[in-house]
Amino acid sequence: MATRYPEIEPYAQGMLDVGDGNNVYWETCGSPTGKPVLVLHGGPGSGCTAGMRRFFDPAAYRIVLFDQRGCGRSTPHASDPATDMSVNTTAHLLADIELLRAHLGIERWQLFGGSWGAALGLRYAELHPERVTELVLLGLATGRRAETDLLTRGLGRYFPEAWERYRAPVPEAERDGDLTAAYDRLFNDQDPATRERAALAWVAWEETIDVTLEGHHPRYADPRFRTAFTRIVAHYWSKGSWLPEGIVLREAGNLAGIPGVIVQGSLDPGNLLGTPWQLTHAWPDCELVLIDEAGHSTTDDGMTEALIAATDRFAR
């Protein structure tokens, strides 16, 4: 079994006022004088966990984690129906990252992100290449509608029974349309029972399409987490993540000179679109590490080993 670095606790943490009534939780772990690395969680809306600290040598890295707007320990929380989602967009998150970097007095940092965190990190690096030393990515996503369409509709042909259960909360007249937009409306419905039924259907579908996930994702059992996570995901996906379609791949040339590693499971559904290979060809300084029989998460030993090998290499 792959071994991560030992469990550690933050040596500093706080809440950063990023405007619009939002405060984001941040923490720093490891060595105060170590190489800075920013951890970007997925979802969007999943928040950071203590396990994310353990992909880095704590003697070599200054490990920065933060909960993106509306999730984790950040406030206001998207589980509250009154939370204003109009000020939770990709542009807001990118600006928050720069505010956090300045707040912590960091000139340049490594970016480590998975899934949505990979998309966010790539876009940040394309816009601020002078601030990025390296990128370590997993479960690659680039925020394209083609990717979210695959996850919400295209995979229905592989899991037809589960997909029908996923579509069930959506009004019948909308089931052949944009499912993310339909779910976005359900998650903002005034009826708590409607919101809860939709959230349970959404996370059940997520568990279905990650074919390597054994049993249920433990965080999905938490109603507060489940409500915020599903609301934020649908909010982003229904708007194309506020990214022009394909812009991350089109502007990958901006990453020239920034070393990177993509660790990708061979059974990750995103591979069906060829996204990791497209990005690797557009970004010559990137190395693609394919892990056999692994999926979209870090639970596989091979994924863990490859990620730690990358962060160890860049630490030197």
C-alpha atoms as a PDB file:
ATOM      1  CA  MET A   1       0.000   0.000   0.000  1.00  0.00           C
ATOM      2  CA  ALA A   2       1.345   3.439  -0.940  1.00  0.00           C
ATOM      3  CA  THR A   3       2.422   5.569   2.005  1.00  0.00           C
ATOM      4  CA  ARG A   4       1.696   9.254   2.171  1.00  0.00           C
ATOM      5  CA  TYR A   5       3.664  11.614   4.374  1.00  0.00           C
ATOM      6  CA  PRO A   6       2.609  11.604   8.061  1.00  0.00           C
ATOM      7  CA  GLU A   7      -0.429  13.498   9.243  1.00  0.00           C
ATOM      8  CA  ILE A   8       0.332  17.112  10.133  1.00  0.00           C
ATOM      9  CA  GLU A   9      -1.565  20.078  11.514  1.00  0.00           C
ATOM     10  CA  PRO A  10      -1.468  23.687  10.249  1.00  0.00           C
ATOM     11  CA  TYR A  11       1.036  26.052  11.833  1.00  0.00           C
ATOM     12  CA  ALA A  12      -1.106  29.003  10.699  1.00  0.00           C
ATOM     13  CA  GLN A  13      -4.683  29.442   9.509  1.00  0.00           C
ATOM     14  CA  GLY A  14      -7.278  32.140   9.082  1.00  0.00           C
ATOM     15  CA  MET A  15     -10.206  33.606   7.192  1.00  0.00           C
ATOM     16  CA  LEU A  16      -9.444  35.952   4.293  1.00  0.00           C
ATOM     17  CA  ASP A  17     -11.988  38.602   3.348  1.00  0.00           C
ATOM     18  CA  VAL A  18     -12.193  38.367  -0.446  1.00  0.00           C
ATOM     19  CA  GLY A  19     -15.082  40.767  -0.871  1.00  0.00           C
ATOM     20  CA  ASP A  20     -18.747  40.318  -1.799  1.00  0.00           C
ATOM     21  CA  GLY A  21     -19.431  39.260   1.786  1.00  0.00           C
ATOM     22  CA  ASN A  22     -17.252  36.143   1.345  1.00  0.00           C
ATOM     23  CA  ASN A  23     -14.481  34.919   3.633  1.00  0.00           C
ATOM     24  CA  VAL A  24     -12.336  31.989   2.538  1.00  0.00           C
ATOM     25  CA  TYR A  25     -10.645  29.637   4.948  1.00  0.00           C
ATOM     26  CA  TRP A  26      -6.896  29.102   4.458  1.00  0.00           C
ATOM     27  CA  GLU A  27      -4.165  27.180   6.234  1.00  0.00           C
ATOM     28  CA  THR A  28      -0.425  26.616   5.923  1.00  0.00           C
ATOM     29  CA  CYS A  29       1.364  23.416   6.919  1.00  0.00           C
ATOM     30  CA  GLY A  30       4.872  22.005   6.760  1.00  0.00           C
ATOM     31  CA  SER A  31       7.891  24.303   6.809  1.00  0.00           C
ATOM     32  CA  PRO A  32       7.359  28.089   7.028  1.00  0.00           C
ATOM     33  CA  THR A  33      10.538  28.497   4.954  1.00  0.00           C
ATOM     34  CA  GLY A  34       9.796  25.658   2.531  1.00  0.00           C
ATOM     35  CA  LYS A  35       8.891  25.790  -1.131  1.00  0.00           C
ATOM     36  CA  PRO A  36       5.346  27.188  -1.472  1.00  0.00           C
ATOM     37  CA  VAL A  37       2.689  24.941  -2.984  1.00  0.00           C
ATOM     38  CA  LEU A  38      -1.013  25.747  -3.344  1.00  0.00           C
ATOM     39  CA  VAL A  39      -3.509  22.881  -3.165  1.00  0.00           C
ATOM     40  CA  LEU A  40      -6.640  23.376  -5.312  1.00  0.00           C
ATOM     41  CA  HIS A  41      -9.503  21.080  -4.414  1.00  0.00           C
ATOM     42  CA  GLY A  42     -11.969  19.673  -6.893  1.00  0.00           C
ATOM     43  CA  GLY A  43     -15.697  19.774  -7.264  1.00  0.00           C
ATOM     44  CA  PRO A  44     -16.073  22.640  -7.552  1.00  0.00           C
ATOM     45  CA  GLY A  45     -17.283  22.784  -3.976  1.00  0.00           C
ATOM     46  CA  SER A  46     -15.635  19.759  -2.366  1.00  0.00           C
ATOM     47  CA  GLY A  47     -13.376  21.722   0.008  1.00  0.00           C
ATOM     48  CA  CYS A  48      -9.966  20.693   1.286  1.00  0.00           C
ATOM     49  CA  THR A  49      -9.259  17.722   3.549  1.00  0.00           C
ATOM     50  CA  ALA A  50      -6.440  16.875   5.930  1.00  0.00           C
ATOM     51  CA  GLY A  51      -5.339  14.074   3.597  1.00  0.00           C
ATOM     52  CA  MET A  52      -4.376  16.609   0.925  1.00  0.00           C
ATOM     53  CA  ARG A  53      -1.548  17.836   3.154  1.00  0.00           C
ATOM     54  CA  ARG A  54       0.136  14.456   2.950  1.00  0.00           C
ATOM     55  CA  PHE A  55       1.251  14.530  -0.699  1.00  0.00           C
ATOM     56  CA  PHE A  56       4.177  16.794   0.226  1.00  0.00           C
ATOM     57  CA  ASP A  57       7.364  16.448   2.253  1.00  0.00           C
ATOM     58  CA  PRO A  58       6.567  18.695   5.243  1.00  0.00           C
ATOM     59  CA  ALA A  59      10.250  19.463   5.730  1.00  0.00           C
ATOM     60  CA  ALA A  60      10.575  20.748   2.157  1.00  0.00           C
ATOM     61  CA  TYR A  61       7.241  22.436   1.427  1.00  0.00           C
ATOM     62  CA  ARG A  62       5.185  25.333   2.736  1.00  0.00           C
ATOM     63  CA  ILE A  63       1.794  23.754   1.995  1.00  0.00           C
ATOM     64  CA  VAL A  64      -1.096  26.162   1.437  1.00  0.00           C
ATOM     65  CA  LEU A  65      -4.687  24.921   1.325  1.00  0.00           C
ATOM     66  CA  PHE A  66      -7.904  26.893   1.065  1.00  0.00           C
ATOM     67  CA  ASP A  67     -11.612  26.211   0.748  1.00  0.00           C
ATOM     68  CA  GLN A  68     -13.027  27.894  -2.340  1.00  0.00           C
ATOM     69  CA  ARG A  69     -16.073  30.138  -2.012  1.00  0.00           C
ATOM     70  CA  GLY A  70     -19.180  28.599  -0.530  1.00  0.00           C
ATOM     71  CA  CYS A  71     -17.699  25.316   0.707  1.00  0.00           C
ATOM     72  CA  GLY A  72     -15.677  23.749   3.493  1.00  0.00           C
ATOM     73  CA  ARG A  73     -15.007  26.264   6.234  1.00  0.00           C
ATOM     74  CA  SER A  74     -15.489  29.306   3.996  1.00  0.00           C
ATOM     75  CA  THR A  75     -18.466  31.568   4.565  1.00  0.00           C
ATOM     76  CA  PRO A  76     -21.224  32.034   3.639  1.00  0.00           C
ATOM     77  CA  HIS A  77     -21.811  28.350   2.966  1.00  0.00           C
ATOM     78  CA  ALA A  78     -23.681  27.203  -0.132  1.00  0.00           C
ATOM     79  CA  SER A  79     -25.766  24.816   1.962  1.00  0.00           C
ATOM     80  CA  ASP A  80     -27.671  27.909   3.105  1.00  0.00           C
ATOM     81  CA  PRO A  81     -30.326  28.667   0.468  1.00  0.00           C
ATOM     82  CA  ALA A  82     -29.842  32.389   1.148  1.00  0.00           C
ATOM     83  CA  THR A  83     -26.195  32.337   0.018  1.00  0.00           C
ATOM     84  CA  ASP A  84     -25.698  34.536  -3.060  1.00  0.00           C
ATOM     85  CA  MET A  85     -24.210  32.339  -5.783  1.00  0.00           C
ATOM     86  CA  SER A  86     -23.849  35.183  -8.283  1.00  0.00           C
ATOM     87  CA  VAL A  87     -20.539  36.116  -6.638  1.00  0.00           C
ATOM     88  CA  ASN A  88     -19.176  32.576  -6.899  1.00  0.00           C
ATOM     89  CA  THR A  89     -17.633  32.239 -10.375  1.00  0.00           C
ATOM     90  CA  THR A  90     -14.322  31.186 -11.878  1.00  0.00           C
ATOM     91  CA  ALA A  91     -13.234  34.827 -12.149  1.00  0.00           C
ATOM     92  CA  HIS A  92     -13.937  35.278  -8.436  1.00  0.00           C
ATOM     93  CA  LEU A  93     -11.895  32.181  -7.548  1.00  0.00           C
ATOM     94  CA  LEU A  94      -8.958  33.283  -9.692  1.00  0.00           C
ATOM     95  CA  ALA A  95      -8.987  36.674  -7.987  1.00  0.00           C
ATOM     96  CA  ASP A  96      -9.198  34.970  -4.575  1.00  0.00           C
ATOM     97  CA  ILE A  97      -6.039  32.977  -5.351  1.00  0.00           C
ATOM     98  CA  GLU A  98      -4.132  36.160  -6.115  1.00  0.00           C
ATOM     99  CA  LEU A  99      -5.435  37.805  -2.928  1.00  0.00           C
ATOM    100  CA  LEU A 100      -4.322  34.791  -0.912  1.00  0.00           C
ATOM    101  CA  ARG A 101      -0.884  34.765  -2.530  1.00  0.00           C
ATOM    102  CA  ALA A 102      -0.378  38.439  -1.698  1.00  0.00           C
ATOM    103  CA  HIS A 103      -1.774  37.963   1.822  1.00  0.00           C
ATOM    104  CA  LEU A 104       0.772  35.204   2.509  1.00  0.00           C
ATOM    105  CA  GLY A 105       3.655  37.135   0.922  1.00  0.00           C
ATOM    106  CA  ILE A 106       4.402  34.443  -1.673  1.00  0.00           C
ATOM    107  CA  GLU A 107       6.045  35.436  -4.964  1.00  0.00           C
ATOM    108  CA  ARG A 108       5.764  32.123  -6.809  1.00  0.00           C
ATOM    109  CA  TRP A 109       4.270  28.763  -5.962  1.00  0.00           C
ATOM    110  CA  GLN A 110       3.697  25.277  -7.241  1.00  0.00           C
ATOM    111  CA  LEU A 111       0.085  24.347  -8.022  1.00  0.00           C
ATOM    112  CA  PHE A 112      -1.365  20.959  -7.093  1.00  0.00           C
ATOM    113  CA  GLY A 113      -4.922  20.216  -8.161  1.00  0.00           C
ATOM    114  CA  GLY A 114      -7.307  17.496  -9.184  1.00  0.00           C
ATOM    115  CA  SER A 115     -10.401  17.484 -11.385  1.00  0.00           C
ATOM    116  CA  TRP A 116     -11.924  20.990 -11.134  1.00  0.00           C
ATOM    117  CA  GLY A 117      -8.796  21.967  -9.185  1.00  0.00           C
ATOM    118  CA  ALA A 118      -6.755  21.042 -12.256  1.00  0.00           C
ATOM    119  CA  ALA A 119      -8.895  23.260 -14.493  1.00  0.00           C
ATOM    120  CA  LEU A 120      -8.670  26.150 -12.043  1.00  0.00           C
ATOM    121  CA  GLY A 121      -4.910  25.720 -11.648  1.00  0.00           C
ATOM    122  CA  LEU A 122      -4.333  25.570 -15.396  1.00  0.00           C
ATOM    123  CA  ARG A 123      -6.337  28.734 -16.001  1.00  0.00           C
ATOM    124  CA  TYR A 124      -4.548  30.544 -13.179  1.00  0.00           C
ATOM    125  CA  ALA A 125      -1.176  29.497 -14.597  1.00  0.00           C
ATOM    126  CA  GLU A 126      -2.159  30.647 -18.091  1.00  0.00           C
ATOM    127  CA  LEU A 127      -3.120  34.056 -16.753  1.00  0.00           C
ATOM    128  CA  HIS A 128      -0.249  34.363 -14.248  1.00  0.00           C
ATOM    129  CA  PRO A 129       2.622  32.207 -15.590  1.00  0.00           C
ATOM    130  CA  GLU A 130       5.173  34.359 -13.761  1.00  0.00           C
ATOM    131  CA  ARG A 131       3.660  33.194 -10.452  1.00  0.00           C
ATOM    132  CA  VAL A 132       3.861  29.434 -11.083  1.00  0.00           C
ATOM    133  CA  THR A 133       6.921  27.203 -10.597  1.00  0.00           C
ATOM    134  CA  GLU A 134       5.343  23.840 -11.517  1.00  0.00           C
ATOM    135  CA  LEU A 135       1.970  22.105 -11.867  1.00  0.00           C
ATOM    136  CA  VAL A 136       1.056  18.670 -10.521  1.00  0.00           C
ATOM    137  CA  LEU A 137      -2.396  17.615 -11.733  1.00  0.00           C
ATOM    138  CA  LEU A 138      -4.612  14.552 -11.441  1.00  0.00           C
ATOM    139  CA  GLY A 139      -8.009  13.485 -12.741  1.00  0.00           C
ATOM    140  CA  LEU A 140      -7.613  16.099 -15.428  1.00  0.00           C
ATOM    141  CA  ALA A 141     -10.417  18.494 -16.320  1.00  0.00           C
ATOM    142  CA  THR A 142     -10.242  21.727 -18.303  1.00  0.00           C
ATOM    143  CA  GLY A 143     -13.733  23.089 -17.709  1.00  0.00           C
ATOM    144  CA  ARG A 144     -15.092  22.358 -21.194  1.00  0.00           C
ATOM    145  CA  ARG A 145     -18.811  21.828 -21.664  1.00  0.00           C
ATOM    146  CA  ALA A 146     -17.852  18.755 -23.678  1.00  0.00           C
ATOM    147  CA  GLU A 147     -16.443  17.282 -20.463  1.00  0.00           C
ATOM    148  CA  THR A 148     -19.479  18.025 -18.302  1.00  0.00           C
ATOM    149  CA  ASP A 149     -21.817  16.864 -21.084  1.00  0.00           C
ATOM    150  CA  LEU A 150     -19.965  13.547 -21.104  1.00  0.00           C
ATOM    151  CA  LEU A 151     -20.342  13.149 -17.344  1.00  0.00           C
ATOM    152  CA  THR A 152     -24.023  14.094 -17.190  1.00  0.00           C
ATOM    153  CA  ARG A 153     -25.344  12.654 -20.462  1.00  0.00           C
ATOM    154  CA  GLY A 154     -22.754  10.784 -22.528  1.00  0.00           C
ATOM    155  CA  LEU A 155     -22.065   8.181 -19.842  1.00  0.00           C
ATOM    156  CA  GLY A 156     -25.779   7.403 -19.681  1.00  0.00           C
ATOM    157  CA  ARG A 157     -25.338   4.838 -22.433  1.00  0.00           C
ATOM    158  CA  TYR A 158     -22.837   2.941 -20.245  1.00  0.00           C
ATOM    159  CA  PHE A 159     -24.995   3.047 -17.101  1.00  0.00           C
ATOM    160  CA  PRO A 160     -28.568   3.326 -18.449  1.00  0.00           C
ATOM    161  CA  GLU A 161     -30.423   2.231 -15.309  1.00  0.00           C
ATOM    162  CA  ALA A 162     -28.445   4.530 -13.014  1.00  0.00           C
ATOM    163  CA  TRP A 163     -28.790   7.363 -15.527  1.00  0.00           C
ATOM    164  CA  GLU A 164     -32.568   7.053 -15.467  1.00  0.00           C
ATOM    165  CA  ARG A 165     -32.430   7.393 -11.682  1.00  0.00           C
ATOM    166  CA  TYR A 166     -30.191  10.423 -12.116  1.00  0.00           C
ATOM    167  CA  ARG A 167     -32.695  12.046 -14.497  1.00  0.00           C
ATOM    168  CA  ALA A 168     -35.723  11.161 -12.361  1.00  0.00           C
ATOM    169  CA  PRO A 169     -35.831  14.367 -10.238  1.00  0.00           C
ATOM    170  CA  VAL A 170     -35.736  16.528 -13.396  1.00  0.00           C
ATOM    171  CA  PRO A 171     -39.159  17.483 -14.832  1.00  0.00           C
ATOM    172  CA  GLU A 172     -39.902  15.123 -17.716  1.00  0.00           C
ATOM    173  CA  ALA A 173     -40.065  17.950 -20.259  1.00  0.00           C
ATOM    174  CA  GLU A 174     -36.452  18.894 -19.393  1.00  0.00           C
ATOM    175  CA  ARG A 175     -34.825  15.461 -19.326  1.00  0.00           C
ATOM    176  CA  ASP A 176     -33.602  15.660 -22.924  1.00  0.00           C
ATOM    177  CA  GLY A 177     -32.205  19.161 -22.440  1.00  0.00           C
ATOM    178  CA  ASP A 178     -29.379  20.603 -20.343  1.00  0.00           C
ATOM    179  CA  LEU A 179     -29.434  18.467 -17.199  1.00  0.00           C
ATOM    180  CA  THR A 180     -26.984  20.723 -15.359  1.00  0.00           C
ATOM    181  CA  ALA A 181     -29.263  23.721 -15.882  1.00  0.00           C
ATOM    182  CA  ALA A 182     -32.259  21.697 -14.709  1.00  0.00           C
ATOM    183  CA  TYR A 183     -30.414  20.572 -11.609  1.00  0.00           C
ATOM    184  CA  ASP A 184     -29.233  24.126 -10.941  1.00  0.00           C
ATOM    185  CA  ARG A 185     -32.889  25.143 -10.738  1.00  0.00           C
ATOM    186  CA  LEU A 186     -33.706  22.194  -8.475  1.00  0.00           C
ATOM    187  CA  PHE A 187     -30.880  23.049  -6.075  1.00  0.00           C
ATOM    188  CA  ASN A 188     -32.280  26.564  -5.754  1.00  0.00           C
ATOM    189  CA  ASP A 189     -35.894  25.473  -5.321  1.00  0.00           C
ATOM    190  CA  GLN A 190     -37.717  26.865  -2.279  1.00  0.00           C
ATOM    191  CA  ASP A 191     -38.777  23.370  -1.200  1.00  0.00           C
ATOM    192  CA  PRO A 192     -36.086  21.653   0.981  1.00  0.00           C
ATOM    193  CA  ALA A 193     -37.414  18.211   0.005  1.00  0.00           C
ATOM    194  CA  THR A 194     -36.924  18.999  -3.681  1.00  0.00           C
ATOM    195  CA  ARG A 195     -33.361  20.144  -3.046  1.00  0.00           C
ATOM    196  CA  GLU A 196     -32.575  17.053  -0.976  1.00  0.00           C
ATOM    197  CA  ARG A 197     -34.022  14.608  -3.508  1.00  0.00           C
ATOM    198  CA  ALA A 198     -31.957  16.228  -6.243  1.00  0.00           C
ATOM    199  CA  ALA A 199     -28.769  16.176  -4.166  1.00  0.00           C
ATOM    200  CA  LEU A 200     -29.156  12.475  -3.357  1.00  0.00           C
ATOM    201  CA  ALA A 201     -29.714  11.633  -7.031  1.00  0.00           C
ATOM    202  CA  TRP A 202     -26.693  13.683  -8.080  1.00  0.00           C
ATOM    203  CA  VAL A 203     -24.222  12.070  -5.663  1.00  0.00           C
ATOM    204  CA  ALA A 204     -25.562   8.579  -6.460  1.00  0.00           C
ATOM    205  CA  TRP A 205     -24.757   9.222 -10.110  1.00  0.00           C
ATOM    206  CA  GLU A 206     -21.267  10.477  -9.232  1.00  0.00           C
ATOM    207  CA  GLU A 207     -20.618   7.273  -7.308  1.00  0.00           C
ATOM    208  CA  THR A 208     -21.834   5.223 -10.284  1.00  0.00           C
ATOM    209  CA  ILE A 209     -19.546   6.774 -12.883  1.00  0.00           C
ATOM    210  CA  ASP A 210     -16.401   6.456 -10.753  1.00  0.00           C
ATOM    211  CA  VAL A 211     -16.098   2.748 -11.432  1.00  0.00           C
ATOM    212  CA  THR A 212     -13.123   2.332  -9.094  1.00  0.00           C
ATOM    213  CA  LEU A 213     -14.905   3.804  -6.066  1.00  0.00           C
ATOM    214  CA  GLU A 214     -15.570   1.064  -3.528  1.00  0.00           C
ATOM    215  CA  GLY A 215     -18.836   1.700  -1.737  1.00  0.00           C
ATOM    216  CA  HIS A 216     -20.154   5.154  -0.982  1.00  0.00           C
ATOM    217  CA  HIS A 217     -18.099   8.316  -0.783  1.00  0.00           C
ATOM    218  CA  PRO A 218     -18.154   9.047   2.990  1.00  0.00           C
ATOM    219  CA  ARG A 219     -18.541  12.824   2.619  1.00  0.00           C
ATOM    220  CA  TYR A 220     -21.709  12.391   0.550  1.00  0.00           C
ATOM    221  CA  ALA A 221     -23.423  11.118   3.704  1.00  0.00           C
ATOM    222  CA  ASP A 222     -23.070  14.558   5.323  1.00  0.00           C
ATOM    223  CA  PRO A 223     -26.192  16.587   4.387  1.00  0.00           C
ATOM    224  CA  ARG A 224     -24.389  19.935   4.766  1.00  0.00           C
ATOM    225  CA  PHE A 225     -21.531  18.834   2.508  1.00  0.00           C
ATOM    226  CA  ARG A 226     -23.862  17.163   0.003  1.00  0.00           C
ATOM    227  CA  THR A 227     -26.144  20.193  -0.285  1.00  0.00           C
ATOM    228  CA  ALA A 228     -23.325  22.684  -0.849  1.00  0.00           C
ATOM    229  CA  PHE A 229     -21.285  20.441  -3.129  1.00  0.00           C
ATOM    230  CA  THR A 230     -24.103  19.594  -5.523  1.00  0.00           C
ATOM    231  CA  ARG A 231     -25.371  23.171  -5.598  1.00  0.00           C
ATOM    232  CA  ILE A 232     -21.945  24.565  -6.442  1.00  0.00           C
ATOM    233  CA  VAL A 233     -21.176  21.914  -9.086  1.00  0.00           C
ATOM    234  CA  ALA A 234     -24.461  22.499 -10.911  1.00  0.00           C
ATOM    235  CA  HIS A 235     -23.998  26.267 -10.579  1.00  0.00           C
ATOM    236  CA  TYR A 236     -20.630  26.034 -12.366  1.00  0.00           C
ATOM    237  CA  TRP A 237     -21.409  23.324 -14.911  1.00  0.00           C
ATOM    238  CA  SER A 238     -24.652  24.937 -16.029  1.00  0.00           C
ATOM    239  CA  LYS A 239     -22.679  28.097 -16.895  1.00  0.00           C
ATOM    240  CA  GLY A 240     -19.820  26.332 -18.684  1.00  0.00           C
ATOM    241  CA  SER A 241     -17.693  27.166 -15.640  1.00  0.00           C
ATOM    242  CA  TRP A 242     -17.626  30.742 -16.953  1.00  0.00           C
ATOM    243  CA  LEU A 243     -14.887  29.719 -19.377  1.00  0.00           C
ATOM    244  CA  PRO A 244     -15.042  30.140 -23.163  1.00  0.00           C
ATOM    245  CA  GLU A 245     -15.304  26.614 -24.555  1.00  0.00           C
ATOM    246  CA  GLY A 246     -11.857  25.066 -24.961  1.00  0.00           C
ATOM    247  CA  ILE A 247      -9.893  28.117 -23.776  1.00  0.00           C
ATOM    248  CA  VAL A 248      -7.676  26.165 -21.389  1.00  0.00           C
ATOM    249  CA  LEU A 249      -6.457  23.934 -24.219  1.00  0.00           C
ATOM    250  CA  ARG A 250      -6.235  26.826 -26.712  1.00  0.00           C
ATOM    251  CA  GLU A 251      -4.073  28.931 -24.399  1.00  0.00           C
ATOM    252  CA  ALA A 252      -1.873  26.106 -23.113  1.00  0.00           C
ATOM    253  CA  GLY A 253       1.009  27.760 -24.970  1.00  0.00           C
ATOM    254  CA  ASN A 254       1.108  30.233 -22.082  1.00  0.00           C
ATOM    255  CA  LEU A 255       2.435  27.379 -19.932  1.00  0.00           C
ATOM    256  CA  ALA A 256       5.671  27.119 -21.933  1.00  0.00           C
ATOM    257  CA  GLY A 257       8.618  26.832 -19.574  1.00  0.00           C
ATOM    258  CA  ILE A 258       6.510  25.652 -16.609  1.00  0.00           C
ATOM    259  CA  PRO A 259       7.241  21.987 -15.796  1.00  0.00           C
ATOM    260  CA  GLY A 260       4.221  19.811 -15.109  1.00  0.00           C
ATOM    261  CA  VAL A 261       3.083  16.285 -14.350  1.00  0.00           C
ATOM    262  CA  ILE A 262      -0.407  14.910 -15.039  1.00  0.00           C
ATOM    263  CA  VAL A 263      -1.230  11.708 -13.151  1.00  0.00           C
ATOM    264  CA  GLN A 264      -4.213  10.087 -14.828  1.00  0.00           C
ATOM    265  CA  GLY A 265      -6.091   6.868 -14.111  1.00  0.00           C
ATOM    266  CA  SER A 266      -6.654   4.675 -17.157  1.00  0.00           C
ATOM    267  CA  LEU A 267     -10.312   4.228 -16.111  1.00  0.00           C
ATOM    268  CA  ASP A 268     -11.025   7.922 -15.592  1.00  0.00           C
ATOM    269  CA  PRO A 269     -14.153   8.691 -17.674  1.00  0.00           C
ATOM    270  CA  GLY A 270     -12.566  11.948 -18.865  1.00  0.00           C
ATOM    271  CA  ASN A 271     -10.163   9.904 -20.979  1.00  0.00           C
ATOM    272  CA  LEU A 272     -12.998   9.227 -23.427  1.00  0.00           C
ATOM    273  CA  LEU A 273     -12.538  12.776 -24.750  1.00  0.00           C
ATOM    274  CA  GLY A 274      -8.754  12.514 -24.921  1.00  0.00           C
ATOM    275  CA  THR A 275      -8.250  15.613 -22.775  1.00  0.00           C
ATOM    276  CA  PRO A 276      -4.964  14.512 -21.095  1.00  0.00           C
ATOM    277  CA  TRP A 277      -3.367  13.700 -24.433  1.00  0.00           C
ATOM    278  CA  GLN A 278      -4.577  16.953 -26.015  1.00  0.00           C
ATOM    279  CA  LEU A 279      -3.111  18.993 -23.199  1.00  0.00           C
ATOM    280  CA  THR A 280       0.181  17.113 -23.221  1.00  0.00           C
ATOM    281  CA  HIS A 281       0.621  17.888 -26.934  1.00  0.00           C
ATOM    282  CA  ALA A 282      -0.229  21.558 -26.379  1.00  0.00           C
ATOM    283  CA  TRP A 283       2.124  21.843 -23.384  1.00  0.00           C
ATOM    284  CA  PRO A 284       5.485  20.223 -24.216  1.00  0.00           C
ATOM    285  CA  ASP A 285       6.896  20.790 -20.704  1.00  0.00           C
ATOM    286  CA  CYS A 286       4.272  18.421 -19.278  1.00  0.00           C
ATOM    287  CA  GLU A 287       4.684  14.702 -18.557  1.00  0.00           C
ATOM    288  CA  LEU A 288       1.665  12.382 -18.617  1.00  0.00           C
ATOM    289  CA  VAL A 289       1.788   9.456 -16.160  1.00  0.00           C
ATOM    290  CA  LEU A 290      -0.963   6.908 -16.850  1.00  0.00           C
ATOM    291  CA  ILE A 291      -1.907   4.571 -13.982  1.00  0.00           C
ATOM    292  CA  ASP A 292      -3.473   1.254 -15.028  1.00  0.00           C
ATOM    293  CA  GLU A 293      -6.892   0.363 -13.576  1.00  0.00           C
ATOM    294  CA  ALA A 294      -7.119   3.607 -11.593  1.00  0.00           C
ATOM    295  CA  GLY A 295     -10.051   6.004 -11.800  1.00  0.00           C
ATOM    296  CA  HIS A 296     -10.709   9.657 -11.040  1.00  0.00           C
ATOM    297  CA  SER A 297      -9.554   9.825  -7.407  1.00  0.00           C
ATOM    298  CA  THR A 298      -6.379   9.502  -5.362  1.00  0.00           C
ATOM    299  CA  THR A 299      -7.495   6.337  -3.562  1.00  0.00           C
ATOM    300  CA  ASP A 300      -5.400   4.123  -5.862  1.00  0.00           C
ATOM    301  CA  ASP A 301      -1.901   3.299  -4.600  1.00  0.00           C
ATOM    302  CA  GLY A 302      -0.387   3.885  -8.026  1.00  0.00           C
ATOM    303  CA  MET A 303      -1.898   7.373  -8.199  1.00  0.00           C
ATOM    304  CA  THR A 304      -0.573   8.221  -4.736  1.00  0.00           C
ATOM    305  CA  GLU A 305       2.922   6.972  -5.545  1.00  0.00           C
ATOM    306  CA  ALA A 306       3.093   8.931  -8.803  1.00  0.00           C
ATOM    307  CA  LEU A 307       1.846  12.146  -7.195  1.00  0.00           C
ATOM    308  CA  ILE A 308       4.331  11.963  -4.344  1.00  0.00           C
ATOM    309  CA  ALA A 309       7.128  11.137  -6.801  1.00  0.00           C
ATOM    310  CA  ALA A 310       6.241  14.341  -8.681  1.00  0.00           C
ATOM    311  CA  THR A 311       6.142  16.578  -5.611  1.00  0.00           C
ATOM    312  CA  ASP A 312       9.382  15.027  -4.296  1.00  0.00           C
ATOM    313  CA  ARG A 313      11.079  15.698  -7.621  1.00  0.00           C
ATOM    314  CA  PHE A 314       9.940  19.311  -7.747  1.00  0.00           C
ATOM    315  CA  ALA A 315      10.905  19.843  -4.100  1.00  0.00           C
ATOM    316  CA  ARG A 316      14.506  19.373  -5.195  1.00  0.00           C
END
